[in-house]
């Protein structure tokens, strides 16, 4: 269900000029500003992003993952390491992300290279998570077929017993990836169909070129 805040902000954004002159030189600053507005509008799961991968044979797949942090080095997500997405990344690390903030009539596309995080980095994030999420990570290491949901609950109960005396350790088959961007695109919808699109691409001098694109 939409919220009044989101609907009000959508109307404001669709009437507000989105001009090249208003864009910061760094796409990360623009992403951070839009991400903050998506959070302020109380959108459902604003940190959900579509992750598209292609394996060595060119077979494309996509799924939703959660953005866990972003900084000047890229955008980070965590996942089981024995999954379709991680196998595809091992064969072809070029990926695409999409943030579909539809209630604000906005979307952000990011294209980049996925690089595995170190175990130390994965552990730091893992230790910051609630215990329930830590236990859940043990159940998301692979895409093993299950005969029933009851089996899933049984495995969770077994994990609770196994680790009841202490901390939950980092699962061996769970980790993270950082997507190092080489292209950002920001899209703001307009009622007349003349939507605003701006793309950032890196330059040899480590600056970013910004171009307005056709709707």
C-alpha atoms as a PDB file:
ATOM      1  CA  UNK A   1       0.000   0.000   0.000  1.00  0.00           C
ATOM      2  CA  UNK A   2       1.346   3.451  -0.880  1.00  0.00           C
ATOM      3  CA  UNK A   3       1.864   6.029   1.823  1.00  0.00           C
ATOM      4  CA  UNK A   4       0.794   9.689   1.653  1.00  0.00           C
ATOM      5  CA  UNK A   5       4.435  10.672   2.043  1.00  0.00           C
ATOM      6  CA  UNK A   6       5.459   8.658  -1.001  1.00  0.00           C
ATOM      7  CA  UNK A   7       2.583   9.967  -3.115  1.00  0.00           C
ATOM      8  CA  UNK A   8       3.262  13.552  -2.123  1.00  0.00           C
ATOM      9  CA  UNK A   9       6.958  13.206  -2.843  1.00  0.00           C
ATOM     10  CA  UNK A  10       6.212  11.535  -6.189  1.00  0.00           C
ATOM     11  CA  UNK A  11       4.130  14.552  -7.261  1.00  0.00           C
ATOM     12  CA  UNK A  12       6.839  16.938  -6.135  1.00  0.00           C
ATOM     13  CA  UNK A  13       9.591  15.042  -7.926  1.00  0.00           C
ATOM     14  CA  UNK A  14       7.653  14.763 -11.173  1.00  0.00           C
ATOM     15  CA  UNK A  15       7.184  18.541 -11.254  1.00  0.00           C
ATOM     16  CA  UNK A  16      10.653  19.456  -9.985  1.00  0.00           C
ATOM     17  CA  UNK A  17      13.304  20.231 -12.636  1.00  0.00           C
ATOM     18  CA  UNK A  18      15.998  17.552 -12.939  1.00  0.00           C
ATOM     19  CA  UNK A  19      18.770  19.372 -14.762  1.00  0.00           C
ATOM     20  CA  UNK A  20      22.339  18.611 -15.698  1.00  0.00           C
ATOM     21  CA  UNK A  21      23.466  21.745 -13.875  1.00  0.00           C
ATOM     22  CA  UNK A  22      22.039  20.397 -10.613  1.00  0.00           C
ATOM     23  CA  UNK A  23      23.938  17.103 -10.710  1.00  0.00           C
ATOM     24  CA  UNK A  24      27.038  16.599  -8.543  1.00  0.00           C
ATOM     25  CA  UNK A  25      30.307  15.630 -10.203  1.00  0.00           C
ATOM     26  CA  UNK A  26      30.368  12.316  -8.331  1.00  0.00           C
ATOM     27  CA  UNK A  27      27.556   9.823  -9.079  1.00  0.00           C
ATOM     28  CA  UNK A  28      27.858   8.401  -5.578  1.00  0.00           C
ATOM     29  CA  UNK A  29      26.644  11.722  -4.173  1.00  0.00           C
ATOM     30  CA  UNK A  30      23.650  11.651  -6.507  1.00  0.00           C
ATOM     31  CA  UNK A  31      22.898   8.042  -5.577  1.00  0.00           C
ATOM     32  CA  UNK A  32      23.161   8.843  -1.863  1.00  0.00           C
ATOM     33  CA  UNK A  33      20.725  11.749  -2.251  1.00  0.00           C
ATOM     34  CA  UNK A  34      18.144   9.662  -4.098  1.00  0.00           C
ATOM     35  CA  UNK A  35      18.583   6.731  -1.725  1.00  0.00           C
ATOM     36  CA  UNK A  36      17.974   9.039   1.241  1.00  0.00           C
ATOM     37  CA  UNK A  37      14.793  10.348  -0.390  1.00  0.00           C
ATOM     38  CA  UNK A  38      13.585   6.802  -1.030  1.00  0.00           C
ATOM     39  CA  UNK A  39      14.131   5.996   2.644  1.00  0.00           C
ATOM     40  CA  UNK A  40      12.448   9.216   3.790  1.00  0.00           C
ATOM     41  CA  UNK A  41       9.395   8.394   1.659  1.00  0.00           C
ATOM     42  CA  UNK A  42       9.030   5.138   3.601  1.00  0.00           C
ATOM     43  CA  UNK A  43       9.155   3.035   0.446  1.00  0.00           C
ATOM     44  CA  UNK A  44       8.933  -0.729   0.991  1.00  0.00           C
ATOM     45  CA  UNK A  45      12.485  -2.110   1.028  1.00  0.00           C
ATOM     46  CA  UNK A  46      14.237   0.787  -0.744  1.00  0.00           C
ATOM     47  CA  UNK A  47      17.537  -1.108  -0.526  1.00  0.00           C
ATOM     48  CA  UNK A  48      16.227  -3.977  -2.668  1.00  0.00           C
ATOM     49  CA  UNK A  49      17.990  -4.110  -6.030  1.00  0.00           C
ATOM     50  CA  UNK A  50      17.795  -6.373  -9.028  1.00  0.00           C
ATOM     51  CA  UNK A  51      21.113  -8.094  -9.718  1.00  0.00           C
ATOM     52  CA  UNK A  52      21.544  -9.300 -13.304  1.00  0.00           C
ATOM     53  CA  UNK A  53      24.317 -11.737 -14.208  1.00  0.00           C
ATOM     54  CA  UNK A  54      25.377 -13.615 -17.327  1.00  0.00           C
ATOM     55  CA  UNK A  55      27.417 -16.811 -17.299  1.00  0.00           C
ATOM     56  CA  UNK A  56      30.141 -17.810 -19.748  1.00  0.00           C
ATOM     57  CA  UNK A  57      27.529 -19.080 -22.212  1.00  0.00           C
ATOM     58  CA  UNK A  58      25.688 -15.765 -22.147  1.00  0.00           C
ATOM     59  CA  UNK A  59      22.716 -17.086 -20.166  1.00  0.00           C
ATOM     60  CA  UNK A  60      21.252 -14.127 -18.297  1.00  0.00           C
ATOM     61  CA  UNK A  61      19.491 -14.338 -14.937  1.00  0.00           C
ATOM     62  CA  UNK A  62      18.300 -11.787 -12.418  1.00  0.00           C
ATOM     63  CA  UNK A  63      17.096 -11.730  -8.855  1.00  0.00           C
ATOM     64  CA  UNK A  64      16.549  -9.299  -5.997  1.00  0.00           C
ATOM     65  CA  UNK A  65      19.280  -8.855  -3.418  1.00  0.00           C
ATOM     66  CA  UNK A  66      19.674  -6.282  -0.661  1.00  0.00           C
ATOM     67  CA  UNK A  67      22.139  -3.416  -0.736  1.00  0.00           C
ATOM     68  CA  UNK A  68      23.921  -3.596   2.605  1.00  0.00           C
ATOM     69  CA  UNK A  69      26.339  -0.686   2.257  1.00  0.00           C
ATOM     70  CA  UNK A  70      27.761   1.657  -0.345  1.00  0.00           C
ATOM     71  CA  UNK A  71      30.762   3.948  -0.424  1.00  0.00           C
ATOM     72  CA  UNK A  72      33.365   5.321  -2.808  1.00  0.00           C
ATOM     73  CA  UNK A  73      34.560   1.763  -3.493  1.00  0.00           C
ATOM     74  CA  UNK A  74      31.203   0.417  -4.656  1.00  0.00           C
ATOM     75  CA  UNK A  75      27.936  -1.228  -3.626  1.00  0.00           C
ATOM     76  CA  UNK A  76      27.924  -4.311  -1.400  1.00  0.00           C
ATOM     77  CA  UNK A  77      25.583  -7.277  -1.053  1.00  0.00           C
ATOM     78  CA  UNK A  78      25.874 -10.621   0.762  1.00  0.00           C
ATOM     79  CA  UNK A  79      24.793 -14.058  -0.373  1.00  0.00           C
ATOM     80  CA  UNK A  80      25.373 -17.780  -0.238  1.00  0.00           C
ATOM     81  CA  UNK A  81      28.483 -18.735  -2.176  1.00  0.00           C
ATOM     82  CA  UNK A  82      27.083 -21.882  -3.815  1.00  0.00           C
ATOM     83  CA  UNK A  83      24.298 -20.246  -5.804  1.00  0.00           C
ATOM     84  CA  UNK A  84      23.504 -19.510  -9.426  1.00  0.00           C
ATOM     85  CA  UNK A  85      24.510 -15.883  -9.026  1.00  0.00           C
ATOM     86  CA  UNK A  86      27.921 -16.664  -7.559  1.00  0.00           C
ATOM     87  CA  UNK A  87      28.648 -19.304 -10.196  1.00  0.00           C
ATOM     88  CA  UNK A  88      27.787 -16.794 -12.921  1.00  0.00           C
ATOM     89  CA  UNK A  89      29.959 -14.112 -11.316  1.00  0.00           C
ATOM     90  CA  UNK A  90      32.880 -16.545 -11.173  1.00  0.00           C
ATOM     91  CA  UNK A  91      32.545 -17.038 -14.941  1.00  0.00           C
ATOM     92  CA  UNK A  92      31.720 -13.425 -15.810  1.00  0.00           C
ATOM     93  CA  UNK A  93      32.062 -10.723 -13.130  1.00  0.00           C
ATOM     94  CA  UNK A  94      30.257  -8.054 -15.186  1.00  0.00           C
ATOM     95  CA  UNK A  95      26.886  -7.378 -13.548  1.00  0.00           C
ATOM     96  CA  UNK A  96      24.047  -4.868 -13.622  1.00  0.00           C
ATOM     97  CA  UNK A  97      22.016  -3.493 -10.728  1.00  0.00           C
ATOM     98  CA  UNK A  98      18.611  -1.820 -10.823  1.00  0.00           C
ATOM     99  CA  UNK A  99      16.880   0.111  -8.048  1.00  0.00           C
ATOM    100  CA  UNK A 100      13.167   0.340  -9.032  1.00  0.00           C
ATOM    101  CA  UNK A 101      11.797   3.141  -6.878  1.00  0.00           C
ATOM    102  CA  UNK A 102       8.524   3.070  -8.784  1.00  0.00           C
ATOM    103  CA  UNK A 103       6.417   4.948  -6.243  1.00  0.00           C
ATOM    104  CA  UNK A 104       8.723   7.923  -6.779  1.00  0.00           C
ATOM    105  CA  UNK A 105       8.744   7.365 -10.555  1.00  0.00           C
ATOM    106  CA  UNK A 106      12.502   6.860 -10.371  1.00  0.00           C
ATOM    107  CA  UNK A 107      15.025   4.194 -11.160  1.00  0.00           C
ATOM    108  CA  UNK A 108      18.792   3.934 -10.864  1.00  0.00           C
ATOM    109  CA  UNK A 109      20.883   1.569 -12.977  1.00  0.00           C
ATOM    110  CA  UNK A 110      24.450   0.618 -12.100  1.00  0.00           C
ATOM    111  CA  UNK A 111      26.779  -1.451 -14.266  1.00  0.00           C
ATOM    112  CA  UNK A 112      30.042  -2.731 -12.873  1.00  0.00           C
ATOM    113  CA  UNK A 113      32.383  -5.523 -11.893  1.00  0.00           C
ATOM    114  CA  UNK A 114      31.548  -7.804  -8.953  1.00  0.00           C
ATOM    115  CA  UNK A 115      34.520  -8.565  -6.706  1.00  0.00           C
ATOM    116  CA  UNK A 116      34.355 -10.996  -3.775  1.00  0.00           C
ATOM    117  CA  UNK A 117      34.876  -9.514  -0.323  1.00  0.00           C
ATOM    118  CA  UNK A 118      37.497 -10.927   1.974  1.00  0.00           C
ATOM    119  CA  UNK A 119      36.438 -13.315   4.728  1.00  0.00           C
ATOM    120  CA  UNK A 120      37.410 -10.620   7.233  1.00  0.00           C
ATOM    121  CA  UNK A 121      35.032  -8.122   5.617  1.00  0.00           C
ATOM    122  CA  UNK A 122      32.236 -10.696   5.494  1.00  0.00           C
ATOM    123  CA  UNK A 123      32.823 -11.531   9.150  1.00  0.00           C
ATOM    124  CA  UNK A 124      32.642  -7.877  10.207  1.00  0.00           C
ATOM    125  CA  UNK A 125      29.255  -7.517   8.602  1.00  0.00           C
ATOM    126  CA  UNK A 126      28.058 -10.929   9.822  1.00  0.00           C
ATOM    127  CA  UNK A 127      28.854 -10.025  13.430  1.00  0.00           C
ATOM    128  CA  UNK A 128      26.754  -6.857  13.122  1.00  0.00           C
ATOM    129  CA  UNK A 129      23.620  -8.854  12.246  1.00  0.00           C
ATOM    130  CA  UNK A 130      20.963 -10.089  14.721  1.00  0.00           C
ATOM    131  CA  UNK A 131      21.328 -13.682  15.850  1.00  0.00           C
ATOM    132  CA  UNK A 132      18.304 -14.759  13.814  1.00  0.00           C
ATOM    133  CA  UNK A 133      19.876 -13.392  10.643  1.00  0.00           C
ATOM    134  CA  UNK A 134      23.142 -15.139  11.477  1.00  0.00           C
ATOM    135  CA  UNK A 135      21.339 -18.459  11.808  1.00  0.00           C
ATOM    136  CA  UNK A 136      19.481 -17.771   8.578  1.00  0.00           C
ATOM    137  CA  UNK A 137      22.780 -17.273   6.759  1.00  0.00           C
ATOM    138  CA  UNK A 138      23.641 -20.904   7.506  1.00  0.00           C
ATOM    139  CA  UNK A 139      20.524 -21.929   5.583  1.00  0.00           C
ATOM    140  CA  UNK A 140      21.228 -19.766   2.517  1.00  0.00           C
ATOM    141  CA  UNK A 141      24.690 -21.015   1.591  1.00  0.00           C
ATOM    142  CA  UNK A 142      23.415 -22.992  -1.416  1.00  0.00           C
ATOM    143  CA  UNK A 143      20.329 -23.660  -3.525  1.00  0.00           C
ATOM    144  CA  UNK A 144      19.869 -27.258  -2.422  1.00  0.00           C
ATOM    145  CA  UNK A 145      16.441 -28.695  -3.202  1.00  0.00           C
ATOM    146  CA  UNK A 146      14.209 -29.363  -0.182  1.00  0.00           C
ATOM    147  CA  UNK A 147      11.489 -31.969   0.095  1.00  0.00           C
ATOM    148  CA  UNK A 148       9.361 -29.797   2.385  1.00  0.00           C
ATOM    149  CA  UNK A 149       9.248 -26.596   4.424  1.00  0.00           C
ATOM    150  CA  UNK A 150       9.184 -28.767   7.526  1.00  0.00           C
ATOM    151  CA  UNK A 151      12.732 -29.861   6.709  1.00  0.00           C
ATOM    152  CA  UNK A 152      13.812 -26.211   6.605  1.00  0.00           C
ATOM    153  CA  UNK A 153      12.367 -25.626  10.074  1.00  0.00           C
ATOM    154  CA  UNK A 154      14.024 -28.805  11.318  1.00  0.00           C
ATOM    155  CA  UNK A 155      17.404 -27.612  10.095  1.00  0.00           C
ATOM    156  CA  UNK A 156      16.916 -24.241  11.760  1.00  0.00           C
ATOM    157  CA  UNK A 157      16.056 -25.972  15.031  1.00  0.00           C
ATOM    158  CA  UNK A 158      19.201 -28.083  14.719  1.00  0.00           C
ATOM    159  CA  UNK A 159      21.307 -24.958  14.196  1.00  0.00           C
ATOM    160  CA  UNK A 160      19.805 -23.324  17.278  1.00  0.00           C
ATOM    161  CA  UNK A 161      20.758 -26.369  19.351  1.00  0.00           C
ATOM    162  CA  UNK A 162      24.221 -26.549  17.802  1.00  0.00           C
ATOM    163  CA  UNK A 163      25.098 -22.936  18.627  1.00  0.00           C
ATOM    164  CA  UNK A 164      23.019 -22.418  21.769  1.00  0.00           C
ATOM    165  CA  UNK A 165      26.073 -22.228  24.021  1.00  0.00           C
ATOM    166  CA  UNK A 166      27.835 -19.387  22.222  1.00  0.00           C
ATOM    167  CA  UNK A 167      28.135 -17.105  19.240  1.00  0.00           C
ATOM    168  CA  UNK A 168      27.038 -18.156  15.769  1.00  0.00           C
ATOM    169  CA  UNK A 169      30.152 -18.509  13.576  1.00  0.00           C
ATOM    170  CA  UNK A 170      30.462 -17.269  10.015  1.00  0.00           C
ATOM    171  CA  UNK A 171      29.130 -19.953   7.639  1.00  0.00           C
ATOM    172  CA  UNK A 172      31.882 -21.268   5.356  1.00  0.00           C
ATOM    173  CA  UNK A 173      29.646 -20.901   2.297  1.00  0.00           C
ATOM    174  CA  UNK A 174      28.447 -17.343   2.878  1.00  0.00           C
ATOM    175  CA  UNK A 175      30.092 -14.073   1.888  1.00  0.00           C
ATOM    176  CA  UNK A 176      29.782 -10.783   0.094  1.00  0.00           C
ATOM    177  CA  UNK A 177      30.500  -8.996  -3.152  1.00  0.00           C
ATOM    178  CA  UNK A 178      31.334  -5.428  -3.971  1.00  0.00           C
ATOM    179  CA  UNK A 179      30.111  -4.084  -7.302  1.00  0.00           C
ATOM    180  CA  UNK A 180      32.667  -1.576  -8.575  1.00  0.00           C
ATOM    181  CA  UNK A 181      30.669   0.711 -10.879  1.00  0.00           C
ATOM    182  CA  UNK A 182      31.717   1.758 -14.356  1.00  0.00           C
ATOM    183  CA  UNK A 183      28.372   3.310 -15.243  1.00  0.00           C
ATOM    184  CA  UNK A 184      25.482   4.930 -13.376  1.00  0.00           C
ATOM    185  CA  UNK A 185      22.182   5.982 -14.883  1.00  0.00           C
ATOM    186  CA  UNK A 186      19.524   8.069 -13.133  1.00  0.00           C
ATOM    187  CA  UNK A 187      15.981   8.166 -14.531  1.00  0.00           C
ATOM    188  CA  UNK A 188      13.211  10.496 -13.373  1.00  0.00           C
ATOM    189  CA  UNK A 189       9.786   9.974 -14.917  1.00  0.00           C
ATOM    190  CA  UNK A 190       7.672  12.854 -16.208  1.00  0.00           C
ATOM    191  CA  UNK A 191       3.875  12.997 -16.768  1.00  0.00           C
ATOM    192  CA  UNK A 192       4.354  14.022 -20.414  1.00  0.00           C
ATOM    193  CA  UNK A 193       6.635  11.073 -21.211  1.00  0.00           C
ATOM    194  CA  UNK A 194       9.664  13.317 -21.725  1.00  0.00           C
ATOM    195  CA  UNK A 195      11.541  11.595 -18.938  1.00  0.00           C
ATOM    196  CA  UNK A 196      14.905  12.798 -17.640  1.00  0.00           C
ATOM    197  CA  UNK A 197      17.858  10.404 -17.972  1.00  0.00           C
ATOM    198  CA  UNK A 198      21.454  11.106 -17.057  1.00  0.00           C
ATOM    199  CA  UNK A 199      24.380   8.703 -17.385  1.00  0.00           C
ATOM    200  CA  UNK A 200      27.722   8.903 -15.593  1.00  0.00           C
ATOM    201  CA  UNK A 201      30.723   7.194 -17.193  1.00  0.00           C
ATOM    202  CA  UNK A 202      34.317   7.250 -15.869  1.00  0.00           C
ATOM    203  CA  UNK A 203      37.093   9.179 -17.595  1.00  0.00           C
ATOM    204  CA  UNK A 204      40.861   8.448 -17.734  1.00  0.00           C
ATOM    205  CA  UNK A 205      41.557  11.259 -15.247  1.00  0.00           C
ATOM    206  CA  UNK A 206      39.268   9.517 -12.690  1.00  0.00           C
ATOM    207  CA  UNK A 207      36.482  12.080 -13.107  1.00  0.00           C
ATOM    208  CA  UNK A 208      33.013  11.218 -14.410  1.00  0.00           C
ATOM    209  CA  UNK A 209      31.415  12.388 -17.642  1.00  0.00           C
ATOM    210  CA  UNK A 210      27.720  13.202 -17.325  1.00  0.00           C
ATOM    211  CA  UNK A 211      25.421  13.078 -20.344  1.00  0.00           C
ATOM    212  CA  UNK A 212      21.708  13.635 -20.777  1.00  0.00           C
ATOM    213  CA  UNK A 213      20.098  10.754 -22.693  1.00  0.00           C
ATOM    214  CA  UNK A 214      16.940  10.528 -24.747  1.00  0.00           C
ATOM    215  CA  UNK A 215      13.923   9.476 -22.640  1.00  0.00           C
END
